[in-house]
Amino acid sequence: MFRKCDYYVFLNSIMNVAGEILQHKNKKAPFIALFLTRYCISVCKLRQIALIRHRLALIKRC
């Protein structure tokens, strides 16, 4: 079982990967990033959704 700080590290690393994927010019990159984002949302608890929304806002700026 993850501790609260482990969830944040896990979600942060996955969202960083999604952000890196979006920087590539591959046609499948947005779909892969979307899959990773949805995976994060389905895995985390409700109190971590605010972190995901923040990371999504950062990704949309790219």
PDB file of N, CA and C in Angstrom:
ATOM      1  N   MET A   1       0.840  -1.182   0.000  1.00  0.00           N
ATOM      2  CA  MET A   1       0.000   0.000   0.000  1.00  0.00           C
ATOM      3  C   MET A   1       0.887   1.248   0.000  1.00  0.00           C
ATOM      4  N   PHE A   2       0.539   2.196  -0.843  1.00  0.00           N
ATOM      5  CA  PHE A   2       1.300   3.439  -0.929  1.00  0.00           C
ATOM      6  C   PHE A   2       0.960   4.370   0.225  1.00  0.00           C
ATOM      7  N   ARG A   3       1.952   5.098   0.694  1.00  0.00           N
ATOM      8  CA  ARG A   3       1.703   6.210   1.605  1.00  0.00           C
ATOM      9  C   ARG A   3       1.306   7.414   0.757  1.00  0.00           C
ATOM     10  N   LYS A   4       0.826   8.460   1.421  1.00  0.00           N
ATOM     11  CA  LYS A   4       0.366   9.645   0.695  1.00  0.00           C
ATOM     12  C   LYS A   4       1.485  10.252  -0.147  1.00  0.00           C
ATOM     13  N   CYS A   5       2.698  10.347   0.412  1.00  0.00           N
ATOM     14  CA  CYS A   5       3.797  10.950  -0.348  1.00  0.00           C
ATOM     15  C   CYS A   5       4.186  10.069  -1.535  1.00  0.00           C
ATOM     16  N   ASP A   6       4.016   8.743  -1.404  1.00  0.00           N
ATOM     17  CA  ASP A   6       4.313   7.852  -2.520  1.00  0.00           C
ATOM     18  C   ASP A   6       3.349   8.084  -3.683  1.00  0.00           C
ATOM     19  N   TYR A   7       2.078   8.383  -3.373  1.00  0.00           N
ATOM     20  CA  TYR A   7       1.115   8.697  -4.426  1.00  0.00           C
ATOM     21  C   TYR A   7       1.561   9.927  -5.210  1.00  0.00           C
ATOM     22  N   TYR A   8       1.997  10.948  -4.497  1.00  0.00           N
ATOM     23  CA  TYR A   8       2.419  12.168  -5.174  1.00  0.00           C
ATOM     24  C   TYR A   8       3.633  11.923  -6.060  1.00  0.00           C
ATOM     25  N   VAL A   9       4.581  11.148  -5.581  1.00  0.00           N
ATOM     26  CA  VAL A   9       5.762  10.829  -6.385  1.00  0.00           C
ATOM     27  C   VAL A   9       5.355  10.022  -7.610  1.00  0.00           C
ATOM     28  N   PHE A  10       4.474   9.051  -7.425  1.00  0.00           N
ATOM     29  CA  PHE A  10       3.991   8.206  -8.515  1.00  0.00           C
ATOM     30  C   PHE A  10       3.263   9.034  -9.568  1.00  0.00           C
ATOM     31  N   LEU A  11       2.318   9.858  -9.124  1.00  0.00           N
ATOM     32  CA  LEU A  11       1.546  10.676 -10.060  1.00  0.00           C
ATOM     33  C   LEU A  11       2.425  11.699 -10.758  1.00  0.00           C
ATOM     34  N   ASN A  12       3.333  12.293 -10.025  1.00  0.00           N
ATOM     35  CA  ASN A  12       4.223  13.286 -10.610  1.00  0.00           C
ATOM     36  C   ASN A  12       5.096  12.664 -11.687  1.00  0.00           C
ATOM     37  N   SER A  13       5.609  11.474 -11.436  1.00  0.00           N
ATOM     38  CA  SER A  13       6.466  10.835 -12.434  1.00  0.00           C
ATOM     39  C   SER A  13       5.677  10.453 -13.679  1.00  0.00           C
ATOM     40  N   ILE A  14       4.455   9.957 -13.512  1.00  0.00           N
ATOM     41  CA  ILE A  14       3.644   9.595 -14.681  1.00  0.00           C
ATOM     42  C   ILE A  14       3.256  10.833 -15.476  1.00  0.00           C
ATOM     43  N   MET A  15       2.899  11.915 -14.794  1.00  0.00           N
ATOM     44  CA  MET A  15       2.524  13.126 -15.511  1.00  0.00           C
ATOM     45  C   MET A  15       3.735  13.762 -16.188  1.00  0.00           C
ATOM     46  N   ASN A  16       4.917  13.610 -15.606  1.00  0.00           N
ATOM     47  CA  ASN A  16       6.132  14.087 -16.279  1.00  0.00           C
ATOM     48  C   ASN A  16       6.381  13.299 -17.554  1.00  0.00           C
ATOM     49  N   VAL A  17       6.151  11.997 -17.508  1.00  0.00           N
ATOM     50  CA  VAL A  17       6.295  11.166 -18.707  1.00  0.00           C
ATOM     51  C   VAL A  17       5.287  11.601 -19.765  1.00  0.00           C
ATOM     52  N   ALA A  18       4.038  11.864 -19.341  1.00  0.00           N
ATOM     53  CA  ALA A  18       3.018  12.319 -20.290  1.00  0.00           C
ATOM     54  C   ALA A  18       3.427  13.641 -20.931  1.00  0.00           C
ATOM     55  N   GLY A  19       3.994  14.539 -20.149  1.00  0.00           N
ATOM     56  CA  GLY A  19       4.466  15.812 -20.697  1.00  0.00           C
ATOM     57  C   GLY A  19       5.601  15.634 -21.684  1.00  0.00           C
ATOM     58  N   GLU A  20       6.516  14.714 -21.389  1.00  0.00           N
ATOM     59  CA  GLU A  20       7.622  14.435 -22.313  1.00  0.00           C
ATOM     60  C   GLU A  20       7.104  13.823 -23.612  1.00  0.00           C
ATOM     61  N   ILE A  21       6.129  12.944 -23.517  1.00  0.00           N
ATOM     62  CA  ILE A  21       5.564  12.311 -24.713  1.00  0.00           C
ATOM     63  C   ILE A  21       4.908  13.355 -25.603  1.00  0.00           C
ATOM     64  N   LEU A  22       4.219  14.330 -24.999  1.00  0.00           N
ATOM     65  CA  LEU A  22       3.537  15.361 -25.784  1.00  0.00           C
ATOM     66  C   LEU A  22       4.509  16.232 -26.571  1.00  0.00           C
ATOM     67  N   GLN A  23       5.754  16.302 -26.163  1.00  0.00           N
ATOM     68  CA  GLN A  23       6.727  17.128 -26.865  1.00  0.00           C
ATOM     69  C   GLN A  23       7.213  16.480 -28.157  1.00  0.00           C
ATOM     70  N   HIS A  24       6.961  15.196 -28.343  1.00  0.00           N
ATOM     71  CA  HIS A  24       7.378  14.521 -29.568  1.00  0.00           C
ATOM     72  C   HIS A  24       6.367  14.796 -30.678  1.00  0.00           C
ATOM     73  N   LYS A  25       6.810  14.703 -31.906  1.00  0.00           N
ATOM     74  CA  LYS A  25       5.951  15.002 -33.053  1.00  0.00           C
ATOM     75  C   LYS A  25       5.197  13.767 -33.552  1.00  0.00           C
ATOM     76  N   ASN A  26       5.228  12.697 -32.776  1.00  0.00           N
ATOM     77  CA  ASN A  26       4.547  11.467 -33.150  1.00  0.00           C
ATOM     78  C   ASN A  26       3.028  11.685 -33.142  1.00  0.00           C
ATOM     79  N   LYS A  27       2.326  11.087 -34.116  1.00  0.00           N
ATOM     80  CA  LYS A  27       0.872  11.250 -34.189  1.00  0.00           C
ATOM     81  C   LYS A  27       0.162  10.584 -33.017  1.00  0.00           C
ATOM     82  N   LYS A  28       0.766   9.550 -32.444  1.00  0.00           N
ATOM     83  CA  LYS A  28       0.134   8.827 -31.343  1.00  0.00           C
ATOM     84  C   LYS A  28       0.435   9.449 -29.980  1.00  0.00           C
ATOM     85  N   ALA A  29       1.306  10.437 -29.931  1.00  0.00           N
ATOM     86  CA  ALA A  29       1.723  11.023 -28.653  1.00  0.00           C
ATOM     87  C   ALA A  29       0.556  11.568 -27.821  1.00  0.00           C
ATOM     88  N   PRO A  30      -0.388  12.319 -28.405  1.00  0.00           N
ATOM     89  CA  PRO A  30      -1.496  12.819 -27.574  1.00  0.00           C
ATOM     90  C   PRO A  30      -2.351  11.702 -26.985  1.00  0.00           C
ATOM     91  N   PHE A  31      -2.522  10.618 -27.728  1.00  0.00           N
ATOM     92  CA  PHE A  31      -3.336   9.508 -27.237  1.00  0.00           C
ATOM     93  C   PHE A  31      -2.640   8.777 -26.092  1.00  0.00           C
ATOM     94  N   ILE A  32      -1.319   8.621 -26.209  1.00  0.00           N
ATOM     95  CA  ILE A  32      -0.558   7.972 -25.142  1.00  0.00           C
ATOM     96  C   ILE A  32      -0.573   8.836 -23.886  1.00  0.00           C
ATOM     97  N   ALA A  33      -0.388  10.139 -24.057  1.00  0.00           N
ATOM     98  CA  ALA A  33      -0.421  11.050 -22.908  1.00  0.00           C
ATOM     99  C   ALA A  33      -1.803  11.062 -22.260  1.00  0.00           C
ATOM    100  N   LEU A  34      -2.848  11.020 -23.074  1.00  0.00           N
ATOM    101  CA  LEU A  34      -4.206  10.976 -22.539  1.00  0.00           C
ATOM    102  C   LEU A  34      -4.441   9.685 -21.769  1.00  0.00           C
ATOM    103  N   PHE A  35      -3.948   8.561 -22.293  1.00  0.00           N
ATOM    104  CA  PHE A  35      -4.083   7.286 -21.596  1.00  0.00           C
ATOM    105  C   PHE A  35      -3.386   7.333 -20.236  1.00  0.00           C
ATOM    106  N   LEU A  36      -2.168   7.871 -20.204  1.00  0.00           N
ATOM    107  CA  LEU A  36      -1.441   7.971 -18.935  1.00  0.00           C
ATOM    108  C   LEU A  36      -2.173   8.870 -17.945  1.00  0.00           C
ATOM    109  N   THR A  37      -2.750   9.950 -18.447  1.00  0.00           N
ATOM    110  CA  THR A  37      -3.492  10.862 -17.579  1.00  0.00           C
ATOM    111  C   THR A  37      -4.729  10.185 -17.009  1.00  0.00           C
ATOM    112  N   ARG A  38      -5.466   9.479 -17.854  1.00  0.00           N
ATOM    113  CA  ARG A  38      -6.660   8.772 -17.375  1.00  0.00           C
ATOM    114  C   ARG A  38      -6.292   7.657 -16.406  1.00  0.00           C
ATOM    115  N   TYR A  39      -5.154   7.024 -16.643  1.00  0.00           N
ATOM    116  CA  TYR A  39      -4.683   5.996 -15.717  1.00  0.00           C
ATOM    117  C   TYR A  39      -4.422   6.608 -14.344  1.00  0.00           C
ATOM    118  N   CYS A  40      -3.784   7.763 -14.329  1.00  0.00           N
ATOM    119  CA  CYS A  40      -3.520   8.448 -13.054  1.00  0.00           C
ATOM    120  C   CYS A  40      -4.813   8.769 -12.323  1.00  0.00           C
ATOM    121  N   ILE A  41      -5.790   9.255 -13.056  1.00  0.00           N
ATOM    122  CA  ILE A  41      -7.055   9.634 -12.436  1.00  0.00           C
ATOM    123  C   ILE A  41      -7.760   8.418 -11.857  1.00  0.00           C
ATOM    124  N   SER A  42      -7.710   7.283 -12.562  1.00  0.00           N
ATOM    125  CA  SER A  42      -8.400   6.097 -12.073  1.00  0.00           C
ATOM    126  C   SER A  42      -7.688   5.459 -10.887  1.00  0.00           C
ATOM    127  N   VAL A  43      -6.381   5.629 -10.775  1.00  0.00           N
ATOM    128  CA  VAL A  43      -5.617   4.999  -9.698  1.00  0.00           C
ATOM    129  C   VAL A  43      -5.678   5.803  -8.405  1.00  0.00           C
ATOM    130  N   CYS A  44      -5.668   7.118  -8.508  1.00  0.00           N
ATOM    131  CA  CYS A  44      -5.515   7.943  -7.304  1.00  0.00           C
ATOM    132  C   CYS A  44      -6.829   8.115  -6.566  1.00  0.00           C
ATOM    133  N   LYS A  45      -6.724   8.598  -5.339  1.00  0.00           N
ATOM    134  CA  LYS A  45      -7.887   8.909  -4.516  1.00  0.00           C
ATOM    135  C   LYS A  45      -8.364  10.316  -4.848  1.00  0.00           C
ATOM    136  N   LEU A  46      -9.521  10.692  -4.327  1.00  0.00           N
ATOM    137  CA  LEU A  46     -10.096  12.004  -4.639  1.00  0.00           C
ATOM    138  C   LEU A  46      -9.216  13.157  -4.185  1.00  0.00           C
ATOM    139  N   ARG A  47      -8.496  13.005  -3.120  1.00  0.00           N
ATOM    140  CA  ARG A  47      -7.678  14.122  -2.631  1.00  0.00           C
ATOM    141  C   ARG A  47      -6.459  14.378  -3.488  1.00  0.00           C
ATOM    142  N   GLN A  48      -6.100  13.443  -4.388  1.00  0.00           N
ATOM    143  CA  GLN A  48      -4.974  13.667  -5.281  1.00  0.00           C
ATOM    144  C   GLN A  48      -5.396  14.245  -6.630  1.00  0.00           C
ATOM    145  N   ILE A  49      -6.675  14.354  -6.899  1.00  0.00           N
ATOM    146  CA  ILE A  49      -7.139  14.853  -8.193  1.00  0.00           C
ATOM    147  C   ILE A  49      -6.710  16.309  -8.409  1.00  0.00           C
ATOM    148  N   ALA A  50      -6.610  17.074  -7.346  1.00  0.00           N
ATOM    149  CA  ALA A  50      -6.158  18.463  -7.480  1.00  0.00           C
ATOM    150  C   ALA A  50      -4.747  18.523  -8.055  1.00  0.00           C
ATOM    151  N   LEU A  51      -3.883  17.597  -7.651  1.00  0.00           N
ATOM    152  CA  LEU A  51      -2.528  17.549  -8.192  1.00  0.00           C
ATOM    153  C   LEU A  51      -2.554  17.223  -9.682  1.00  0.00           C
ATOM    154  N   ILE A  52      -3.392  16.294 -10.080  1.00  0.00           N
ATOM    155  CA  ILE A  52      -3.481  15.920 -11.492  1.00  0.00           C
ATOM    156  C   ILE A  52      -3.983  17.102 -12.319  1.00  0.00           C
ATOM    157  N   ARG A  53      -4.985  17.805 -11.821  1.00  0.00           N
ATOM    158  CA  ARG A  53      -5.499  18.967 -12.554  1.00  0.00           C
ATOM    159  C   ARG A  53      -4.423  20.031 -12.713  1.00  0.00           C
ATOM    160  N   HIS A  54      -3.622  20.206 -11.694  1.00  0.00           N
ATOM    161  CA  HIS A  54      -2.524  21.168 -11.780  1.00  0.00           C
ATOM    162  C   HIS A  54      -1.520  20.734 -12.841  1.00  0.00           C
ATOM    163  N   ARG A  55      -1.163  19.451 -12.864  1.00  0.00           N
ATOM    164  CA  ARG A  55      -0.205  18.943 -13.844  1.00  0.00           C
ATOM    165  C   ARG A  55      -0.790  19.031 -15.260  1.00  0.00           C
ATOM    166  N   LEU A  56      -2.079  18.787 -15.411  1.00  0.00           N
ATOM    167  CA  LEU A  56      -2.713  18.909 -16.728  1.00  0.00           C
ATOM    168  C   LEU A  56      -2.661  20.351 -17.218  1.00  0.00           C
ATOM    169  N   ALA A  57      -2.870  21.289 -16.317  1.00  0.00           N
ATOM    170  CA  ALA A  57      -2.792  22.700 -16.701  1.00  0.00           C
ATOM    171  C   ALA A  57      -1.388  23.046 -17.178  1.00  0.00           C
ATOM    172  N   LEU A  58      -0.376  22.473 -16.538  1.00  0.00           N
ATOM    173  CA  LEU A  58       0.999  22.711 -16.974  1.00  0.00           C
ATOM    174  C   LEU A  58       1.263  22.085 -18.338  1.00  0.00           C
ATOM    175  N   ILE A  59       0.702  20.898 -18.571  1.00  0.00           N
ATOM    176  CA  ILE A  59       0.897  20.229 -19.862  1.00  0.00           C
ATOM    177  C   ILE A  59       0.209  21.017 -20.979  1.00  0.00           C
ATOM    178  N   LYS A  60      -0.980  21.559 -20.708  1.00  0.00           N
ATOM    179  CA  LYS A  60      -1.714  22.303 -21.736  1.00  0.00           C
ATOM    180  C   LYS A  60      -0.977  23.569 -22.158  1.00  0.00           C
ATOM    181  N   ARG A  61      -0.128  24.108 -21.287  1.00  0.00           N
ATOM    182  CA  ARG A  61       0.640  25.307 -21.628  1.00  0.00           C
ATOM    183  C   ARG A  61       1.710  25.017 -22.664  1.00  0.00           C
ATOM    184  N   CYS A  62       2.154  23.766 -22.755  1.00  0.00           N
ATOM    185  CA  CYS A  62       3.248  23.413 -23.688  1.00  0.00           C
ATOM    186  C   CYS A  62       2.822  23.536 -25.133  1.00  0.00           C
TER     187      CYS A  62
END
